[in-house]
Amino acid sequence: MKRRYIEPENTPVPAEESLCRALLSLDTPAEMQAFLRDLCTPAELEALVDRWRVVPYLLAGYAYREIHDRTSVSVTTIGRVARFLQQGNGGYLAVVAHEALPPLPKPPRRRGGMPPSALAGVPATTPAPSRSRSKS
């Protein structure tokens, strides 16, 4: 949090509430996208998107590593979102209750072969046979 050496001006509506009202005033995803792009730096917006992106996976019970593999979001961020889903202020769950949760992508189709679970413990490549030199 940034340090303030000067007391901010007191306004009739607290700044955080004013921001919430501004967000609620927008009617379309395009309006919200434009506002967020004006309000946030690209890195801030990417962080918000990453956090929101992992919510459906966490609610579906995916392991953190699987979520990371599917989304490229860091395991630390995934853990942070999971903690707020369980112990936060209820914001994620309120959005979920409004049915605004993004759908999970369908898993990629595999052609033939065994399912990945059948391959657990099998090395990715088979080592070449060793050649032993025998003295003749």
N, C-alpha and C. Protein backbone atom coordinates (compact mmCIF):
# COMPACT_ATOMS: atom_id res chain seq x y z
N MET A 1 0.84 -1.17 0.00
CA MET A 1 0.00 0.00 0.00
C MET A 1 0.89 1.24 0.00
N LYS A 2 0.48 2.24 -0.75
CA LYS A 2 1.35 3.40 -0.80
C LYS A 2 1.17 4.25 0.46
N ARG A 3 2.25 4.87 0.85
CA ARG A 3 2.22 5.74 2.02
C ARG A 3 1.74 7.12 1.62
N ARG A 4 0.95 7.69 2.47
CA ARG A 4 0.45 9.04 2.22
C ARG A 4 0.99 9.96 3.30
N TYR A 5 1.64 11.01 2.86
CA TYR A 5 2.18 11.99 3.79
C TYR A 5 1.23 13.17 3.96
N ILE A 6 0.26 13.27 3.06
CA ILE A 6 -0.74 14.33 3.13
C ILE A 6 -2.09 13.65 3.27
N GLU A 7 -2.90 14.14 4.17
CA GLU A 7 -4.24 13.57 4.34
C GLU A 7 -5.07 13.84 3.09
N PRO A 8 -5.72 12.79 2.55
CA PRO A 8 -6.55 13.02 1.37
C PRO A 8 -7.79 13.82 1.74
N GLU A 9 -8.32 14.49 0.75
CA GLU A 9 -9.54 15.27 0.94
C GLU A 9 -10.69 14.37 1.34
N ASN A 10 -11.46 14.79 2.31
CA ASN A 10 -12.65 14.03 2.71
C ASN A 10 -13.76 14.35 1.72
N THR A 11 -14.39 13.31 1.22
CA THR A 11 -15.47 13.48 0.26
C THR A 11 -16.72 12.84 0.85
N PRO A 12 -17.90 13.24 0.35
CA PRO A 12 -19.13 12.67 0.89
C PRO A 12 -19.21 11.14 0.70
N VAL A 13 -18.63 10.65 -0.40
CA VAL A 13 -18.62 9.21 -0.66
C VAL A 13 -17.16 8.76 -0.61
N PRO A 14 -16.83 7.77 0.23
CA PRO A 14 -15.44 7.29 0.28
C PRO A 14 -14.96 6.85 -1.11
N ALA A 15 -13.68 7.02 -1.37
CA ALA A 15 -13.11 6.74 -2.70
C ALA A 15 -13.37 5.30 -3.14
N GLU A 16 -13.22 4.33 -2.24
CA GLU A 16 -13.45 2.93 -2.64
C GLU A 16 -14.91 2.71 -3.04
N GLU A 17 -15.83 3.29 -2.30
CA GLU A 17 -17.24 3.17 -2.65
C GLU A 17 -17.53 3.85 -3.99
N SER A 18 -16.89 4.99 -4.22
CA SER A 18 -17.07 5.69 -5.48
C SER A 18 -16.60 4.84 -6.66
N LEU A 19 -15.48 4.15 -6.49
CA LEU A 19 -14.99 3.24 -7.53
C LEU A 19 -15.99 2.11 -7.77
N CYS A 20 -16.50 1.54 -6.70
CA CYS A 20 -17.50 0.46 -6.83
C CYS A 20 -18.73 0.95 -7.58
N ARG A 21 -19.17 2.15 -7.26
CA ARG A 21 -20.34 2.71 -7.97
C ARG A 21 -20.03 2.93 -9.45
N ALA A 22 -18.81 3.36 -9.74
CA ALA A 22 -18.43 3.55 -11.14
C ALA A 22 -18.47 2.22 -11.89
N LEU A 23 -17.93 1.17 -11.27
CA LEU A 23 -17.95 -0.15 -11.91
C LEU A 23 -19.38 -0.63 -12.13
N LEU A 24 -20.23 -0.42 -11.15
CA LEU A 24 -21.62 -0.85 -11.26
C LEU A 24 -22.42 -0.05 -12.29
N SER A 25 -21.95 1.13 -12.63
CA SER A 25 -22.69 1.98 -13.57
C SER A 25 -22.55 1.54 -15.02
N LEU A 26 -21.58 0.70 -15.30
CA LEU A 26 -21.32 0.29 -16.68
C LEU A 26 -22.28 -0.82 -17.10
N ASP A 27 -22.71 -0.75 -18.35
CA ASP A 27 -23.76 -1.67 -18.82
C ASP A 27 -23.28 -2.84 -19.64
N THR A 28 -22.16 -2.71 -20.30
CA THR A 28 -21.73 -3.77 -21.21
C THR A 28 -20.31 -4.20 -20.91
N PRO A 29 -19.96 -5.43 -21.32
CA PRO A 29 -18.56 -5.85 -21.17
C PRO A 29 -17.59 -4.92 -21.89
N ALA A 30 -17.99 -4.36 -23.04
CA ALA A 30 -17.10 -3.45 -23.78
C ALA A 30 -16.84 -2.17 -22.97
N GLU A 31 -17.88 -1.63 -22.32
CA GLU A 31 -17.68 -0.45 -21.47
C GLU A 31 -16.76 -0.77 -20.30
N MET A 32 -16.97 -1.93 -19.69
CA MET A 32 -16.13 -2.32 -18.55
C MET A 32 -14.69 -2.52 -19.00
N GLN A 33 -14.50 -3.15 -20.14
CA GLN A 33 -13.15 -3.37 -20.65
C GLN A 33 -12.45 -2.04 -20.90
N ALA A 34 -13.14 -1.10 -21.49
CA ALA A 34 -12.54 0.22 -21.75
C ALA A 34 -12.18 0.91 -20.44
N PHE A 35 -13.06 0.84 -19.46
CA PHE A 35 -12.79 1.47 -18.17
C PHE A 35 -11.59 0.82 -17.49
N LEU A 36 -11.56 -0.51 -17.47
CA LEU A 36 -10.44 -1.20 -16.82
C LEU A 36 -9.12 -0.91 -17.52
N ARG A 37 -9.15 -0.81 -18.84
CA ARG A 37 -7.92 -0.50 -19.59
C ARG A 37 -7.45 0.92 -19.32
N ASP A 38 -8.39 1.84 -19.05
CA ASP A 38 -8.01 3.20 -18.69
C ASP A 38 -7.53 3.29 -17.25
N LEU A 39 -8.15 2.50 -16.38
CA LEU A 39 -7.87 2.56 -14.95
C LEU A 39 -6.59 1.85 -14.55
N CYS A 40 -6.31 0.71 -15.17
CA CYS A 40 -5.21 -0.17 -14.75
C CYS A 40 -4.05 -0.12 -15.72
N THR A 41 -2.87 -0.39 -15.20
CA THR A 41 -1.73 -0.61 -16.09
C THR A 41 -1.92 -1.98 -16.74
N PRO A 42 -1.22 -2.26 -17.83
CA PRO A 42 -1.34 -3.60 -18.42
C PRO A 42 -1.00 -4.72 -17.43
N ALA A 43 0.00 -4.51 -16.58
CA ALA A 43 0.38 -5.53 -15.60
C ALA A 43 -0.71 -5.72 -14.55
N GLU A 44 -1.33 -4.63 -14.10
CA GLU A 44 -2.41 -4.74 -13.12
C GLU A 44 -3.62 -5.48 -13.71
N LEU A 45 -3.95 -5.15 -14.94
CA LEU A 45 -5.07 -5.81 -15.60
C LEU A 45 -4.77 -7.30 -15.81
N GLU A 46 -3.54 -7.61 -16.20
CA GLU A 46 -3.16 -9.01 -16.38
C GLU A 46 -3.27 -9.78 -15.06
N ALA A 47 -2.89 -9.15 -13.94
CA ALA A 47 -3.00 -9.80 -12.64
C ALA A 47 -4.45 -10.07 -12.30
N LEU A 48 -5.33 -9.12 -12.58
CA LEU A 48 -6.76 -9.32 -12.31
C LEU A 48 -7.32 -10.46 -13.17
N VAL A 49 -6.95 -10.45 -14.44
CA VAL A 49 -7.43 -11.49 -15.37
C VAL A 49 -6.93 -12.86 -14.91
N ASP A 50 -5.66 -12.95 -14.53
CA ASP A 50 -5.10 -14.23 -14.07
C ASP A 50 -5.86 -14.76 -12.86
N ARG A 51 -6.15 -13.88 -11.91
CA ARG A 51 -6.87 -14.32 -10.71
C ARG A 51 -8.26 -14.83 -11.06
N TRP A 52 -8.95 -14.09 -11.91
CA TRP A 52 -10.31 -14.50 -12.28
C TRP A 52 -10.29 -15.78 -13.11
N ARG A 53 -9.28 -15.94 -13.92
CA ARG A 53 -9.17 -17.09 -14.81
C ARG A 53 -9.10 -18.42 -14.07
N VAL A 54 -8.52 -18.44 -12.87
CA VAL A 54 -8.34 -19.70 -12.15
C VAL A 54 -9.54 -20.09 -11.29
N VAL A 55 -10.47 -19.15 -11.07
CA VAL A 55 -11.61 -19.43 -10.19
C VAL A 55 -12.40 -20.67 -10.62
N PRO A 56 -12.80 -20.81 -11.89
CA PRO A 56 -13.59 -21.99 -12.25
C PRO A 56 -12.83 -23.30 -12.03
N TYR A 57 -11.53 -23.29 -12.25
CA TYR A 57 -10.73 -24.50 -12.05
C TYR A 57 -10.70 -24.87 -10.57
N LEU A 58 -10.53 -23.88 -9.71
CA LEU A 58 -10.51 -24.15 -8.27
C LEU A 58 -11.86 -24.69 -7.81
N LEU A 59 -12.94 -24.07 -8.28
CA LEU A 59 -14.27 -24.54 -7.88
C LEU A 59 -14.57 -25.94 -8.41
N ALA A 60 -13.95 -26.30 -9.53
CA ALA A 60 -14.14 -27.64 -10.10
C ALA A 60 -13.24 -28.67 -9.44
N GLY A 61 -12.31 -28.22 -8.55
CA GLY A 61 -11.48 -29.15 -7.80
C GLY A 61 -10.17 -29.53 -8.47
N TYR A 62 -9.73 -28.79 -9.46
CA TYR A 62 -8.45 -29.10 -10.10
C TYR A 62 -7.31 -28.86 -9.12
N ALA A 63 -6.25 -29.61 -9.26
CA ALA A 63 -5.03 -29.42 -8.47
C ALA A 63 -4.32 -28.16 -8.97
N TYR A 64 -3.59 -27.50 -8.07
CA TYR A 64 -2.90 -26.27 -8.43
C TYR A 64 -1.97 -26.46 -9.63
N ARG A 65 -1.22 -27.55 -9.65
CA ARG A 65 -0.27 -27.79 -10.74
C ARG A 65 -1.01 -27.94 -12.07
N GLU A 66 -2.15 -28.62 -12.06
CA GLU A 66 -2.95 -28.79 -13.28
C GLU A 66 -3.48 -27.44 -13.75
N ILE A 67 -3.91 -26.61 -12.81
CA ILE A 67 -4.40 -25.27 -13.17
C ILE A 67 -3.25 -24.48 -13.80
N HIS A 68 -2.08 -24.54 -13.19
CA HIS A 68 -0.91 -23.84 -13.73
C HIS A 68 -0.62 -24.33 -15.16
N ASP A 69 -0.64 -25.65 -15.35
CA ASP A 69 -0.35 -26.20 -16.68
C ASP A 69 -1.36 -25.75 -17.72
N ARG A 70 -2.61 -25.56 -17.31
CA ARG A 70 -3.66 -25.17 -18.25
C ARG A 70 -3.72 -23.66 -18.49
N THR A 71 -3.32 -22.86 -17.50
CA THR A 71 -3.51 -21.41 -17.60
C THR A 71 -2.22 -20.61 -17.62
N SER A 72 -1.12 -21.20 -17.22
CA SER A 72 0.18 -20.53 -17.06
C SER A 72 0.18 -19.51 -15.92
N VAL A 73 -0.85 -19.54 -15.07
CA VAL A 73 -0.90 -18.67 -13.90
C VAL A 73 -0.02 -19.31 -12.82
N SER A 74 0.73 -18.49 -12.09
CA SER A 74 1.65 -19.03 -11.10
C SER A 74 0.91 -19.76 -9.98
N VAL A 75 1.56 -20.76 -9.44
CA VAL A 75 0.99 -21.53 -8.34
C VAL A 75 0.75 -20.62 -7.13
N THR A 76 1.59 -19.62 -6.94
CA THR A 76 1.40 -18.66 -5.84
C THR A 76 0.10 -17.90 -6.01
N THR A 77 -0.17 -17.42 -7.22
CA THR A 77 -1.42 -16.70 -7.48
C THR A 77 -2.61 -17.63 -7.31
N ILE A 78 -2.49 -18.85 -7.78
CA ILE A 78 -3.58 -19.82 -7.64
C ILE A 78 -3.88 -20.04 -6.16
N GLY A 79 -2.83 -20.19 -5.35
CA GLY A 79 -3.02 -20.37 -3.91
C GLY A 79 -3.68 -19.16 -3.27
N ARG A 80 -3.31 -17.98 -3.70
CA ARG A 80 -3.91 -16.74 -3.17
C ARG A 80 -5.40 -16.70 -3.48
N VAL A 81 -5.77 -17.03 -4.71
CA VAL A 81 -7.18 -17.03 -5.09
C VAL A 81 -7.94 -18.09 -4.29
N ALA A 82 -7.34 -19.26 -4.13
CA ALA A 82 -8.00 -20.33 -3.36
C ALA A 82 -8.24 -19.88 -1.92
N ARG A 83 -7.26 -19.20 -1.34
CA ARG A 83 -7.41 -18.72 0.04
C ARG A 83 -8.56 -17.72 0.14
N PHE A 84 -8.66 -16.81 -0.84
CA PHE A 84 -9.75 -15.83 -0.79
C PHE A 84 -11.10 -16.45 -1.12
N LEU A 85 -11.12 -17.50 -1.91
CA LEU A 85 -12.38 -18.22 -2.14
C LEU A 85 -12.90 -18.80 -0.84
N GLN A 86 -11.99 -19.30 -0.01
CA GLN A 86 -12.38 -19.94 1.24
C GLN A 86 -12.53 -18.96 2.39
N GLN A 87 -11.63 -17.98 2.50
CA GLN A 87 -11.59 -17.14 3.69
C GLN A 87 -11.70 -15.65 3.38
N GLY A 88 -12.05 -15.31 2.18
CA GLY A 88 -12.07 -13.89 1.79
C GLY A 88 -13.34 -13.19 2.21
N ASN A 89 -13.68 -12.17 1.47
CA ASN A 89 -14.84 -11.33 1.78
C ASN A 89 -16.12 -11.78 1.09
N GLY A 90 -16.04 -12.86 0.32
CA GLY A 90 -17.22 -13.38 -0.37
C GLY A 90 -17.42 -12.80 -1.76
N GLY A 91 -16.49 -12.00 -2.23
CA GLY A 91 -16.65 -11.37 -3.54
C GLY A 91 -16.66 -12.35 -4.69
N TYR A 92 -15.71 -13.28 -4.69
CA TYR A 92 -15.68 -14.28 -5.77
C TYR A 92 -17.00 -15.06 -5.77
N LEU A 93 -17.43 -15.49 -4.59
CA LEU A 93 -18.64 -16.32 -4.50
C LEU A 93 -19.89 -15.52 -4.87
N ALA A 94 -19.90 -14.21 -4.61
CA ALA A 94 -21.04 -13.38 -5.01
C ALA A 94 -21.15 -13.34 -6.53
N VAL A 95 -20.02 -13.22 -7.20
CA VAL A 95 -20.04 -13.20 -8.67
C VAL A 95 -20.47 -14.57 -9.19
N VAL A 96 -19.99 -15.63 -8.56
CA VAL A 96 -20.39 -16.98 -8.96
C VAL A 96 -21.89 -17.16 -8.78
N ALA A 97 -22.43 -16.62 -7.69
CA ALA A 97 -23.87 -16.72 -7.43
C ALA A 97 -24.69 -15.99 -8.49
N HIS A 98 -24.09 -14.98 -9.12
CA HIS A 98 -24.77 -14.24 -10.19
C HIS A 98 -24.54 -14.91 -11.55
N GLU A 99 -23.99 -16.10 -11.51
CA GLU A 99 -23.76 -16.91 -12.70
C GLU A 99 -22.88 -16.21 -13.73
N ALA A 100 -21.88 -15.50 -13.25
CA ALA A 100 -20.96 -14.80 -14.14
C ALA A 100 -19.62 -15.52 -14.23
N LEU A 101 -19.60 -16.77 -13.80
CA LEU A 101 -18.37 -17.55 -13.81
C LEU A 101 -18.02 -17.95 -15.23
N PRO A 102 -16.77 -17.75 -15.64
CA PRO A 102 -16.40 -18.17 -16.99
C PRO A 102 -16.42 -19.69 -17.10
N PRO A 103 -16.85 -20.23 -18.23
CA PRO A 103 -16.87 -21.69 -18.38
C PRO A 103 -15.46 -22.24 -18.52
N LEU A 104 -15.30 -23.47 -18.10
CA LEU A 104 -14.01 -24.14 -18.28
C LEU A 104 -13.90 -24.58 -19.73
N PRO A 105 -12.71 -24.47 -20.29
CA PRO A 105 -12.54 -25.00 -21.65
C PRO A 105 -12.64 -26.51 -21.62
N LYS A 106 -13.06 -27.07 -22.74
CA LYS A 106 -13.13 -28.53 -22.82
C LYS A 106 -11.72 -29.08 -22.88
N PRO A 107 -11.49 -30.23 -22.21
CA PRO A 107 -10.14 -30.80 -22.27
C PRO A 107 -9.81 -31.19 -23.71
N PRO A 108 -8.52 -31.11 -24.06
CA PRO A 108 -8.15 -31.47 -25.44
C PRO A 108 -8.45 -32.94 -25.71
N ARG A 109 -8.90 -33.23 -26.92
CA ARG A 109 -9.17 -34.62 -27.30
C ARG A 109 -7.86 -35.32 -27.59
N ARG A 110 -7.76 -36.50 -27.10
CA ARG A 110 -6.56 -37.30 -27.36
C ARG A 110 -6.92 -38.33 -28.42
N ARG A 111 -6.00 -38.53 -29.33
CA ARG A 111 -6.24 -39.51 -30.39
C ARG A 111 -5.57 -40.80 -30.02
N GLY A 112 -6.36 -41.83 -29.89
CA GLY A 112 -5.81 -43.16 -29.63
C GLY A 112 -4.96 -43.21 -28.39
N GLY A 113 -4.28 -44.30 -28.21
CA GLY A 113 -3.38 -44.44 -27.07
C GLY A 113 -4.12 -44.57 -25.76
N MET A 114 -3.35 -44.60 -24.71
CA MET A 114 -3.91 -44.76 -23.39
C MET A 114 -4.18 -43.40 -22.77
N PRO A 115 -5.15 -43.34 -21.84
CA PRO A 115 -5.37 -42.09 -21.13
C PRO A 115 -4.14 -41.76 -20.29
N PRO A 116 -3.92 -40.47 -19.98
CA PRO A 116 -2.73 -40.08 -19.22
C PRO A 116 -2.61 -40.81 -17.89
N SER A 117 -3.73 -41.13 -17.24
CA SER A 117 -3.65 -41.82 -15.95
C SER A 117 -3.01 -43.20 -16.10
N ALA A 118 -3.17 -43.81 -17.26
CA ALA A 118 -2.58 -45.13 -17.47
C ALA A 118 -1.07 -45.04 -17.67
N LEU A 119 -0.59 -43.84 -17.97
CA LEU A 119 0.83 -43.66 -18.24
C LEU A 119 1.61 -43.21 -17.01
N ALA A 120 0.95 -43.09 -15.89
CA ALA A 120 1.64 -42.62 -14.67
C ALA A 120 2.79 -43.56 -14.34
N GLY A 121 3.93 -42.99 -14.11
CA GLY A 121 5.10 -43.77 -13.73
C GLY A 121 5.89 -44.33 -14.89
N VAL A 122 5.40 -44.14 -16.11
CA VAL A 122 6.11 -44.64 -17.27
C VAL A 122 7.01 -43.52 -17.78
N PRO A 123 8.32 -43.78 -17.96
CA PRO A 123 9.19 -42.71 -18.46
C PRO A 123 8.78 -42.27 -19.85
N ALA A 124 9.01 -41.01 -20.14
CA ALA A 124 8.62 -40.44 -21.43
C ALA A 124 9.34 -41.11 -22.59
N THR A 125 10.58 -41.51 -22.38
CA THR A 125 11.33 -42.20 -23.43
C THR A 125 11.90 -43.47 -22.83
N THR A 126 12.03 -44.45 -23.67
CA THR A 126 12.62 -45.71 -23.22
C THR A 126 14.11 -45.63 -23.44
N PRO A 127 14.92 -45.92 -22.41
CA PRO A 127 16.36 -45.84 -22.60
C PRO A 127 16.83 -46.87 -23.63
N ALA A 128 17.82 -46.47 -24.38
CA ALA A 128 18.39 -47.38 -25.38
C ALA A 128 19.10 -48.53 -24.66
N PRO A 129 19.07 -49.73 -25.25
CA PRO A 129 19.75 -50.85 -24.60
C PRO A 129 21.24 -50.58 -24.51
N SER A 130 21.82 -50.99 -23.40
CA SER A 130 23.26 -50.74 -23.23
C SER A 130 24.04 -51.80 -23.99
N ARG A 131 25.15 -51.38 -24.54
CA ARG A 131 26.01 -52.31 -25.27
C ARG A 131 27.19 -52.64 -24.35
N SER A 132 27.32 -53.87 -24.11
CA SER A 132 28.47 -54.27 -23.28
C SER A 132 29.56 -54.81 -24.19
N ARG A 133 30.76 -54.41 -23.89
CA ARG A 133 31.91 -54.90 -24.67
C ARG A 133 32.43 -56.15 -24.02
N SER A 134 32.49 -57.15 -24.77
CA SER A 134 33.06 -58.39 -24.20
C SER A 134 34.43 -58.63 -24.83
N LYS A 135 35.32 -59.14 -24.02
CA LYS A 135 36.66 -59.42 -24.54
C LYS A 135 36.60 -60.78 -25.25
N SER A 136 37.04 -60.83 -26.51
CA SER A 136 37.03 -62.09 -27.21
C SER A 136 38.41 -62.62 -27.38
